[in-house]
Amino acid sequence: MENERHYCQINVNGFALAATGVVAIIYILCTIVVALAPDLALKLFGTLVHLVNLEKTADMRLTFGGFLAGLIQATLYTYIGAWLVAWLHNKFCQRTQ
């Protein structure tokens, strides 16, 4: 029975780091789309946020500082969220055994 518990548990830090890496890659790809095709990016984001009027933000410029600040925020929030998901998963696994 001890082996069953082993398979149910998630390495919390490893899971959080993997999710953070994925989000960092997606964030970088998104930044490239914004830099190369800002009109397309604005339309895609508009559909993502349920067609909120984004015309007011359409004249914002992409800067390295803004990119870096956004990347840090996205990865930090993802790490914390993924860590909590894995931690909760492990807690629920312990209760079911």
PDB file of N, CA and C in Angstrom:
ATOM      1  N   MET A   1       0.808  -1.199   0.000  1.00  0.00           N
ATOM      2  CA  MET A   1       0.000   0.000   0.000  1.00  0.00           C
ATOM      3  C   MET A   1       0.853   1.265   0.000  1.00  0.00           C
ATOM      4  N   GLU A   2       2.056   1.195   0.516  1.00  0.00           N
ATOM      5  CA  GLU A   2       2.917   2.387   0.563  1.00  0.00           C
ATOM      6  C   GLU A   2       3.267   2.872  -0.842  1.00  0.00           C
ATOM      7  N   ASN A   3       3.410   1.967  -1.808  1.00  0.00           N
ATOM      8  CA  ASN A   3       3.720   2.365  -3.180  1.00  0.00           C
ATOM      9  C   ASN A   3       2.606   3.172  -3.814  1.00  0.00           C
ATOM     10  N   GLU A   4       1.354   2.899  -3.443  1.00  0.00           N
ATOM     11  CA  GLU A   4       0.231   3.649  -3.998  1.00  0.00           C
ATOM     12  C   GLU A   4       0.327   5.122  -3.603  1.00  0.00           C
ATOM     13  N   ARG A   5       0.729   5.386  -2.377  1.00  0.00           N
ATOM     14  CA  ARG A   5       0.874   6.771  -1.925  1.00  0.00           C
ATOM     15  C   ARG A   5       1.971   7.468  -2.721  1.00  0.00           C
ATOM     16  N   HIS A   6       3.024   6.760  -3.012  1.00  0.00           N
ATOM     17  CA  HIS A   6       4.129   7.329  -3.789  1.00  0.00           C
ATOM     18  C   HIS A   6       3.649   7.837  -5.155  1.00  0.00           C
ATOM     19  N   TYR A   7       2.801   7.079  -5.817  1.00  0.00           N
ATOM     20  CA  TYR A   7       2.334   7.459  -7.138  1.00  0.00           C
ATOM     21  C   TYR A   7       1.321   8.609  -7.088  1.00  0.00           C
ATOM     22  N   CYS A   8       0.672   8.771  -5.972  1.00  0.00           N
ATOM     23  CA  CYS A   8      -0.326   9.818  -5.842  1.00  0.00           C
ATOM     24  C   CYS A   8       0.319  11.183  -5.576  1.00  0.00           C
ATOM     25  N   GLN A   9       1.470  11.212  -4.963  1.00  0.00           N
ATOM     26  CA  GLN A   9       2.119  12.454  -4.575  1.00  0.00           C
ATOM     27  C   GLN A   9       2.787  13.142  -5.766  1.00  0.00           C
ATOM     28  N   ILE A  10       2.769  14.464  -5.732  1.00  0.00           N
ATOM     29  CA  ILE A  10       3.422  15.286  -6.746  1.00  0.00           C
ATOM     30  C   ILE A  10       4.580  16.013  -6.088  1.00  0.00           C
ATOM     31  N   ASN A  11       5.701  16.092  -6.782  1.00  0.00           N
ATOM     32  CA  ASN A  11       6.803  16.929  -6.316  1.00  0.00           C
ATOM     33  C   ASN A  11       6.357  18.378  -6.486  1.00  0.00           C
ATOM     34  N   VAL A  12       6.029  19.025  -5.386  1.00  0.00           N
ATOM     35  CA  VAL A  12       5.414  20.351  -5.410  1.00  0.00           C
ATOM     36  C   VAL A  12       6.318  21.364  -6.112  1.00  0.00           C
ATOM     37  N   ASN A  13       7.571  21.402  -5.743  1.00  0.00           N
ATOM     38  CA  ASN A  13       8.489  22.366  -6.344  1.00  0.00           C
ATOM     39  C   ASN A  13       8.723  22.058  -7.820  1.00  0.00           C
ATOM     40  N   GLY A  14       8.887  20.803  -8.161  1.00  0.00           N
ATOM     41  CA  GLY A  14       9.094  20.428  -9.559  1.00  0.00           C
ATOM     42  C   GLY A  14       7.902  20.778 -10.433  1.00  0.00           C
ATOM     43  N   PHE A  15       6.703  20.528  -9.927  1.00  0.00           N
ATOM     44  CA  PHE A  15       5.486  20.866 -10.667  1.00  0.00           C
ATOM     45  C   PHE A  15       5.385  22.373 -10.864  1.00  0.00           C
ATOM     46  N   ALA A  16       5.637  23.129  -9.803  1.00  0.00           N
ATOM     47  CA  ALA A  16       5.554  24.591  -9.885  1.00  0.00           C
ATOM     48  C   ALA A  16       6.588  25.146 -10.855  1.00  0.00           C
ATOM     49  N   LEU A  17       7.803  24.611 -10.824  1.00  0.00           N
ATOM     50  CA  LEU A  17       8.838  25.081 -11.750  1.00  0.00           C
ATOM     51  C   LEU A  17       8.497  24.740 -13.202  1.00  0.00           C
ATOM     52  N   ALA A  18       7.933  23.557 -13.436  1.00  0.00           N
ATOM     53  CA  ALA A  18       7.551  23.169 -14.796  1.00  0.00           C
ATOM     54  C   ALA A  18       6.455  24.086 -15.330  1.00  0.00           C
ATOM     55  N   ALA A  19       5.446  24.349 -14.521  1.00  0.00           N
ATOM     56  CA  ALA A  19       4.362  25.248 -14.938  1.00  0.00           C
ATOM     57  C   ALA A  19       4.895  26.655 -15.184  1.00  0.00           C
ATOM     58  N   THR A  20       5.803  27.106 -14.336  1.00  0.00           N
ATOM     59  CA  THR A  20       6.391  28.438 -14.490  1.00  0.00           C
ATOM     60  C   THR A  20       7.181  28.524 -15.789  1.00  0.00           C
ATOM     61  N   GLY A  21       7.922  27.485 -16.119  1.00  0.00           N
ATOM     62  CA  GLY A  21       8.679  27.471 -17.374  1.00  0.00           C
ATOM     63  C   GLY A  21       7.766  27.555 -18.586  1.00  0.00           C
ATOM     64  N   VAL A  22       6.666  26.842 -18.543  1.00  0.00           N
ATOM     65  CA  VAL A  22       5.703  26.868 -19.649  1.00  0.00           C
ATOM     66  C   VAL A  22       5.120  28.271 -19.807  1.00  0.00           C
ATOM     67  N   VAL A  23       4.729  28.881 -18.706  1.00  0.00           N
ATOM     68  CA  VAL A  23       4.156  30.228 -18.774  1.00  0.00           C
ATOM     69  C   VAL A  23       5.189  31.232 -19.261  1.00  0.00           C
ATOM     70  N   ALA A  24       6.433  31.096 -18.854  1.00  0.00           N
ATOM     71  CA  ALA A  24       7.482  32.008 -19.316  1.00  0.00           C
ATOM     72  C   ALA A  24       7.642  31.916 -20.833  1.00  0.00           C
ATOM     73  N   ILE A  25       7.622  30.709 -21.366  1.00  0.00           N
ATOM     74  CA  ILE A  25       7.736  30.532 -22.814  1.00  0.00           C
ATOM     75  C   ILE A  25       6.532  31.148 -23.531  1.00  0.00           C
ATOM     76  N   ILE A  26       5.340  30.901 -23.008  1.00  0.00           N
ATOM     77  CA  ILE A  26       4.133  31.477 -23.611  1.00  0.00           C
ATOM     78  C   ILE A  26       4.176  33.001 -23.553  1.00  0.00           C
ATOM     79  N   TYR A  27       4.641  33.550 -22.439  1.00  0.00           N
ATOM     80  CA  TYR A  27       4.733  35.003 -22.291  1.00  0.00           C
ATOM     81  C   TYR A  27       5.702  35.592 -23.318  1.00  0.00           C
ATOM     82  N   ILE A  28       6.832  34.944 -23.506  1.00  0.00           N
ATOM     83  CA  ILE A  28       7.815  35.422 -24.481  1.00  0.00           C
ATOM     84  C   ILE A  28       7.240  35.358 -25.896  1.00  0.00           C
ATOM     85  N   LEU A  29       6.562  34.264 -26.235  1.00  0.00           N
ATOM     86  CA  LEU A  29       5.934  34.145 -27.553  1.00  0.00           C
ATOM     87  C   LEU A  29       4.858  35.209 -27.751  1.00  0.00           C
ATOM     88  N   CYS A  30       4.098  35.482 -26.713  1.00  0.00           N
ATOM     89  CA  CYS A  30       3.073  36.510 -26.780  1.00  0.00           C
ATOM     90  C   CYS A  30       3.697  37.881 -27.024  1.00  0.00           C
ATOM     91  N   THR A  31       4.804  38.152 -26.356  1.00  0.00           N
ATOM     92  CA  THR A  31       5.502  39.425 -26.547  1.00  0.00           C
ATOM     93  C   THR A  31       5.995  39.568 -27.977  1.00  0.00           C
ATOM     94  N   ILE A  32       6.459  38.491 -28.560  1.00  0.00           N
ATOM     95  CA  ILE A  32       6.918  38.522 -29.952  1.00  0.00           C
ATOM     96  C   ILE A  32       5.748  38.844 -30.879  1.00  0.00           C
ATOM     97  N   VAL A  33       4.589  38.239 -30.627  1.00  0.00           N
ATOM     98  CA  VAL A  33       3.402  38.530 -31.441  1.00  0.00           C
ATOM     99  C   VAL A  33       3.014  39.994 -31.304  1.00  0.00           C
ATOM    100  N   VAL A  34       3.043  40.521 -30.085  1.00  0.00           N
ATOM    101  CA  VAL A  34       2.697  41.927 -29.863  1.00  0.00           C
ATOM    102  C   VAL A  34       3.670  42.837 -30.607  1.00  0.00           C
ATOM    103  N   ALA A  35       4.954  42.490 -30.585  1.00  0.00           N
ATOM    104  CA  ALA A  35       5.959  43.324 -31.248  1.00  0.00           C
ATOM    105  C   ALA A  35       5.833  43.262 -32.770  1.00  0.00           C
ATOM    106  N   LEU A  36       5.551  42.093 -33.316  1.00  0.00           N
ATOM    107  CA  LEU A  36       5.519  41.931 -34.769  1.00  0.00           C
ATOM    108  C   LEU A  36       4.161  42.230 -35.395  1.00  0.00           C
ATOM    109  N   ALA A  37       3.086  41.976 -34.654  1.00  0.00           N
ATOM    110  CA  ALA A  37       1.734  42.169 -35.194  1.00  0.00           C
ATOM    111  C   ALA A  37       0.821  42.751 -34.112  1.00  0.00           C
ATOM    112  N   PRO A  38       1.025  44.025 -33.760  1.00  0.00           N
ATOM    113  CA  PRO A  38       0.255  44.600 -32.655  1.00  0.00           C
ATOM    114  C   PRO A  38      -1.262  44.616 -32.891  1.00  0.00           C
ATOM    115  N   ASP A  39      -1.704  44.834 -34.123  1.00  0.00           N
ATOM    116  CA  ASP A  39      -3.154  44.840 -34.388  1.00  0.00           C
ATOM    117  C   ASP A  39      -3.759  43.456 -34.170  1.00  0.00           C
ATOM    118  N   LEU A  40      -3.074  42.433 -34.646  1.00  0.00           N
ATOM    119  CA  LEU A  40      -3.538  41.061 -34.436  1.00  0.00           C
ATOM    120  C   LEU A  40      -3.557  40.730 -32.947  1.00  0.00           C
ATOM    121  N   ALA A  41      -2.507  41.122 -32.242  1.00  0.00           N
ATOM    122  CA  ALA A  41      -2.438  40.853 -30.805  1.00  0.00           C
ATOM    123  C   ALA A  41      -3.583  41.529 -30.068  1.00  0.00           C
ATOM    124  N   LEU A  42      -3.909  42.758 -30.471  1.00  0.00           N
ATOM    125  CA  LEU A  42      -5.007  43.487 -29.839  1.00  0.00           C
ATOM    126  C   LEU A  42      -6.340  42.787 -30.090  1.00  0.00           C
ATOM    127  N   LYS A  43      -6.544  42.301 -31.299  1.00  0.00           N
ATOM    128  CA  LYS A  43      -7.781  41.578 -31.616  1.00  0.00           C
ATOM    129  C   LYS A  43      -7.869  40.261 -30.839  1.00  0.00           C
ATOM    130  N   LEU A  44      -6.758  39.526 -30.785  1.00  0.00           N
ATOM    131  CA  LEU A  44      -6.753  38.264 -30.050  1.00  0.00           C
ATOM    132  C   LEU A  44      -7.017  38.487 -28.564  1.00  0.00           C
ATOM    133  N   PHE A  45      -6.369  39.504 -28.004  1.00  0.00           N
ATOM    134  CA  PHE A  45      -6.579  39.778 -26.587  1.00  0.00           C
ATOM    135  C   PHE A  45      -8.001  40.254 -26.326  1.00  0.00           C
ATOM    136  N   GLY A  46      -8.556  41.014 -27.257  1.00  0.00           N
ATOM    137  CA  GLY A  46      -9.933  41.469 -27.119  1.00  0.00           C
ATOM    138  C   GLY A  46     -10.907  40.311 -27.021  1.00  0.00           C
ATOM    139  N   THR A  47     -10.686  39.269 -27.813  1.00  0.00           N
ATOM    140  CA  THR A  47     -11.568  38.100 -27.731  1.00  0.00           C
ATOM    141  C   THR A  47     -11.313  37.305 -26.451  1.00  0.00           C
ATOM    142  N   LEU A  48     -10.088  37.323 -25.980  1.00  0.00           N
ATOM    143  CA  LEU A  48      -9.747  36.604 -24.755  1.00  0.00           C
ATOM    144  C   LEU A  48     -10.438  37.213 -23.538  1.00  0.00           C
ATOM    145  N   VAL A  49     -10.570  38.546 -23.520  1.00  0.00           N
ATOM    146  CA  VAL A  49     -11.191  39.218 -22.373  1.00  0.00           C
ATOM    147  C   VAL A  49     -12.630  39.605 -22.676  1.00  0.00           C
ATOM    148  N   HIS A  50     -13.261  38.858 -23.541  1.00  0.00           N
ATOM    149  CA  HIS A  50     -14.686  39.011 -23.857  1.00  0.00           C
ATOM    150  C   HIS A  50     -15.022  40.370 -24.446  1.00  0.00           C
ATOM    151  N   LEU A  51     -14.197  40.790 -25.401  1.00  0.00           N
ATOM    152  CA  LEU A  51     -14.453  41.977 -26.205  1.00  0.00           C
ATOM    153  C   LEU A  51     -14.539  43.277 -25.404  1.00  0.00           C
ATOM    154  N   VAL A  52     -13.721  43.396 -24.384  1.00  0.00           N
ATOM    155  CA  VAL A  52     -13.608  44.662 -23.661  1.00  0.00           C
ATOM    156  C   VAL A  52     -13.000  45.680 -24.615  1.00  0.00           C
ATOM    157  N   ASN A  53     -13.407  46.932 -24.527  1.00  0.00           N
ATOM    158  CA  ASN A  53     -12.871  47.970 -25.403  1.00  0.00           C
ATOM    159  C   ASN A  53     -11.406  48.222 -25.064  1.00  0.00           C
ATOM    160  N   LEU A  54     -10.540  47.834 -25.962  1.00  0.00           N
ATOM    161  CA  LEU A  54      -9.105  47.985 -25.738  1.00  0.00           C
ATOM    162  C   LEU A  54      -8.512  49.161 -26.515  1.00  0.00           C
ATOM    163  N   GLU A  55      -9.340  49.972 -27.111  1.00  0.00           N
ATOM    164  CA  GLU A  55      -8.849  51.091 -27.914  1.00  0.00           C
ATOM    165  C   GLU A  55      -8.019  52.066 -27.085  1.00  0.00           C
ATOM    166  N   LYS A  56      -8.340  52.227 -25.814  1.00  0.00           N
ATOM    167  CA  LYS A  56      -7.602  53.149 -24.958  1.00  0.00           C
ATOM    168  C   LYS A  56      -6.165  52.710 -24.745  1.00  0.00           C
ATOM    169  N   THR A  57      -5.918  51.416 -24.787  1.00  0.00           N
ATOM    170  CA  THR A  57      -4.573  50.900 -24.550  1.00  0.00           C
ATOM    171  C   THR A  57      -3.832  50.605 -25.850  1.00  0.00           C
ATOM    172  N   ALA A  58      -4.447  50.872 -26.973  1.00  0.00           N
ATOM    173  CA  ALA A  58      -3.855  50.495 -28.257  1.00  0.00           C
ATOM    174  C   ALA A  58      -2.578  51.267 -28.552  1.00  0.00           C
ATOM    175  N   ASP A  59      -2.382  52.436 -27.948  1.00  0.00           N
ATOM    176  CA  ASP A  59      -1.192  53.223 -28.251  1.00  0.00           C
ATOM    177  C   ASP A  59      -0.037  52.947 -27.283  1.00  0.00           C
ATOM    178  N   MET A  60      -0.179  51.949 -26.414  1.00  0.00           N
ATOM    179  CA  MET A  60       0.900  51.615 -25.484  1.00  0.00           C
ATOM    180  C   MET A  60       2.083  51.034 -26.257  1.00  0.00           C
ATOM    181  N   ARG A  61       3.266  51.337 -25.797  1.00  0.00           N
ATOM    182  CA  ARG A  61       4.482  50.876 -26.472  1.00  0.00           C
ATOM    183  C   ARG A  61       5.130  49.743 -25.673  1.00  0.00           C
ATOM    184  N   LEU A  62       5.689  48.818 -26.386  1.00  0.00           N
ATOM    185  CA  LEU A  62       6.378  47.689 -25.778  1.00  0.00           C
ATOM    186  C   LEU A  62       7.793  48.121 -25.419  1.00  0.00           C
ATOM    187  N   THR A  63       8.167  47.985 -24.148  1.00  0.00           N
ATOM    188  CA  THR A  63       9.516  48.323 -23.701  1.00  0.00           C
ATOM    189  C   THR A  63      10.156  47.110 -23.048  1.00  0.00           C
ATOM    190  N   PHE A  64      11.458  47.107 -22.968  1.00  0.00           N
ATOM    191  CA  PHE A  64      12.148  46.000 -22.328  1.00  0.00           C
ATOM    192  C   PHE A  64      11.807  45.945 -20.839  1.00  0.00           C
ATOM    193  N   GLY A  65      11.725  47.102 -20.195  1.00  0.00           N
ATOM    194  CA  GLY A  65      11.363  47.143 -18.779  1.00  0.00           C
ATOM    195  C   GLY A  65       9.970  46.591 -18.533  1.00  0.00           C
ATOM    196  N   GLY A  66       9.032  46.971 -19.407  1.00  0.00           N
ATOM    197  CA  GLY A  66       7.676  46.453 -19.290  1.00  0.00           C
ATOM    198  C   GLY A  66       7.624  44.961 -19.529  1.00  0.00           C
ATOM    199  N   PHE A  67       8.383  44.503 -20.513  1.00  0.00           N
ATOM    200  CA  PHE A  67       8.466  43.071 -20.796  1.00  0.00           C
ATOM    201  C   PHE A  67       8.991  42.320 -19.583  1.00  0.00           C
ATOM    202  N   LEU A  68      10.078  42.816 -19.011  1.00  0.00           N
ATOM    203  CA  LEU A  68      10.702  42.152 -17.874  1.00  0.00           C
ATOM    204  C   LEU A  68       9.780  42.150 -16.653  1.00  0.00           C
ATOM    205  N   ALA A  69       9.133  43.272 -16.391  1.00  0.00           N
ATOM    206  CA  ALA A  69       8.207  43.345 -15.255  1.00  0.00           C
ATOM    207  C   ALA A  69       7.041  42.378 -15.438  1.00  0.00           C
ATOM    208  N   GLY A  70       6.506  42.306 -16.644  1.00  0.00           N
ATOM    209  CA  GLY A  70       5.406  41.380 -16.918  1.00  0.00           C
ATOM    210  C   GLY A  70       5.838  39.931 -16.806  1.00  0.00           C
ATOM    211  N   LEU A  71       7.032  39.632 -17.308  1.00  0.00           N
ATOM    212  CA  LEU A  71       7.547  38.264 -17.238  1.00  0.00           C
ATOM    213  C   LEU A  71       7.741  37.836 -15.790  1.00  0.00           C
ATOM    214  N   ILE A  72       8.290  38.728 -14.986  1.00  0.00           N
ATOM    215  CA  ILE A  72       8.499  38.405 -13.572  1.00  0.00           C
ATOM    216  C   ILE A  72       7.155  38.181 -12.874  1.00  0.00           C
ATOM    217  N   GLN A  73       6.197  39.038 -13.125  1.00  0.00           N
ATOM    218  CA  GLN A  73       4.878  38.865 -12.510  1.00  0.00           C
ATOM    219  C   GLN A  73       4.217  37.568 -12.950  1.00  0.00           C
ATOM    220  N   ALA A  74       4.219  37.312 -14.246  1.00  0.00           N
ATOM    221  CA  ALA A  74       3.555  36.110 -14.769  1.00  0.00           C
ATOM    222  C   ALA A  74       4.175  34.844 -14.197  1.00  0.00           C
ATOM    223  N   THR A  75       5.504  34.802 -14.141  1.00  0.00           N
ATOM    224  CA  THR A  75       6.159  33.593 -13.640  1.00  0.00           C
ATOM    225  C   THR A  75       5.994  33.461 -12.129  1.00  0.00           C
ATOM    226  N   LEU A  76       6.038  34.569 -11.408  1.00  0.00           N
ATOM    227  CA  LEU A  76       5.856  34.508  -9.956  1.00  0.00           C
ATOM    228  C   LEU A  76       4.451  34.038  -9.596  1.00  0.00           C
ATOM    229  N   TYR A  77       3.446  34.611 -10.229  1.00  0.00           N
ATOM    230  CA  TYR A  77       2.065  34.208  -9.951  1.00  0.00           C
ATOM    231  C   TYR A  77       1.831  32.751 -10.347  1.00  0.00           C
ATOM    232  N   THR A  78       2.422  32.339 -11.459  1.00  0.00           N
ATOM    233  CA  THR A  78       2.267  30.952 -11.890  1.00  0.00           C
ATOM    234  C   THR A  78       2.921  29.996 -10.912  1.00  0.00           C
ATOM    235  N   TYR A  79       4.128  30.333 -10.461  1.00  0.00           N
ATOM    236  CA  TYR A  79       4.816  29.463  -9.510  1.00  0.00           C
ATOM    237  C   TYR A  79       3.988  29.298  -8.242  1.00  0.00           C
ATOM    238  N   ILE A  80       3.500  30.409  -7.706  1.00  0.00           N
ATOM    239  CA  ILE A  80       2.702  30.352  -6.475  1.00  0.00           C
ATOM    240  C   ILE A  80       1.424  29.540  -6.700  1.00  0.00           C
ATOM    241  N   GLY A  81       0.729  29.803  -7.795  1.00  0.00           N
ATOM    242  CA  GLY A  81      -0.504  29.069  -8.082  1.00  0.00           C
ATOM    243  C   GLY A  81      -0.265  27.583  -8.296  1.00  0.00           C
ATOM    244  N   ALA A  82       0.745  27.235  -9.067  1.00  0.00           N
ATOM    245  CA  ALA A  82       1.032  25.818  -9.331  1.00  0.00           C
ATOM    246  C   ALA A  82       1.496  25.115  -8.069  1.00  0.00           C
ATOM    247  N   TRP A  83       2.279  25.798  -7.244  1.00  0.00           N
ATOM    248  CA  TRP A  83       2.741  25.223  -5.980  1.00  0.00           C
ATOM    249  C   TRP A  83       1.534  24.901  -5.100  1.00  0.00           C
ATOM    250  N   LEU A  84       0.598  25.833  -5.030  1.00  0.00           N
ATOM    251  CA  LEU A  84      -0.606  25.610  -4.219  1.00  0.00           C
ATOM    252  C   LEU A  84      -1.457  24.470  -4.765  1.00  0.00           C
ATOM    253  N   VAL A  85      -1.591  24.373  -6.090  1.00  0.00           N
ATOM    254  CA  VAL A  85      -2.347  23.265  -6.687  1.00  0.00           C
ATOM    255  C   VAL A  85      -1.700  21.928  -6.331  1.00  0.00           C
ATOM    256  N   ALA A  86      -0.380  21.824  -6.472  1.00  0.00           N
ATOM    257  CA  ALA A  86       0.307  20.572  -6.165  1.00  0.00           C
ATOM    258  C   ALA A  86       0.220  20.251  -4.670  1.00  0.00           C
ATOM    259  N   TRP A  87       0.351  21.252  -3.834  1.00  0.00           N
ATOM    260  CA  TRP A  87       0.260  21.051  -2.389  1.00  0.00           C
ATOM    261  C   TRP A  87      -1.131  20.536  -2.007  1.00  0.00           C
ATOM    262  N   LEU A  88      -2.162  21.178  -2.560  1.00  0.00           N
ATOM    263  CA  LEU A  88      -3.525  20.728  -2.283  1.00  0.00           C
ATOM    264  C   LEU A  88      -3.768  19.319  -2.808  1.00  0.00           C
ATOM    265  N   HIS A  89      -3.252  19.030  -3.998  1.00  0.00           N
ATOM    266  CA  HIS A  89      -3.381  17.683  -4.563  1.00  0.00           C
ATOM    267  C   HIS A  89      -2.799  16.655  -3.591  1.00  0.00           C
ATOM    268  N   ASN A  90      -1.610  16.940  -3.083  1.00  0.00           N
ATOM    269  CA  ASN A  90      -0.972  16.011  -2.151  1.00  0.00           C
ATOM    270  C   ASN A  90      -1.784  15.873  -0.864  1.00  0.00           C
ATOM    271  N   LYS A  91      -2.364  16.954  -0.385  1.00  0.00           N
ATOM    272  CA  LYS A  91      -3.203  16.885   0.823  1.00  0.00           C
ATOM    273  C   LYS A  91      -4.438  16.024   0.575  1.00  0.00           C
ATOM    274  N   PHE A  92      -5.070  16.196  -0.577  1.00  0.00           N
ATOM    275  CA  PHE A  92      -6.255  15.401  -0.897  1.00  0.00           C
ATOM    276  C   PHE A  92      -5.882  13.928  -1.104  1.00  0.00           C
ATOM    277  N   CYS A  93      -4.727  13.654  -1.654  1.00  0.00           N
ATOM    278  CA  CYS A  93      -4.283  12.268  -1.828  1.00  0.00           C
ATOM    279  C   CYS A  93      -4.113  11.584  -0.483  1.00  0.00           C
ATOM    280  N   GLN A  94      -3.585  12.317   0.475  1.00  0.00           N
ATOM    281  CA  GLN A  94      -3.381  11.736   1.815  1.00  0.00           C
ATOM    282  C   GLN A  94      -4.715  11.398   2.472  1.00  0.00           C
ATOM    283  N   ARG A  95      -5.735  12.200   2.224  1.00  0.00           N
ATOM    284  CA  ARG A  95      -7.041  11.984   2.840  1.00  0.00           C
ATOM    285  C   ARG A  95      -7.765  10.787   2.260  1.00  0.00           C
ATOM    286  N   THR A  96      -7.500  10.461   0.989  1.00  0.00           N
ATOM    287  CA  THR A  96      -8.241   9.377   0.335  1.00  0.00           C
ATOM    288  C   THR A  96      -7.634   8.011   0.621  1.00  0.00           C
ATOM    289  N   GLN A  97      -6.518   7.983   1.306  1.00  0.00           N
ATOM    290  CA  GLN A  97      -5.882   6.684   1.577  1.00  0.00           C
ATOM    291  C   GLN A  97      -6.081   6.244   2.993  1.00  0.00           C
TER     292      GLN A  97
END
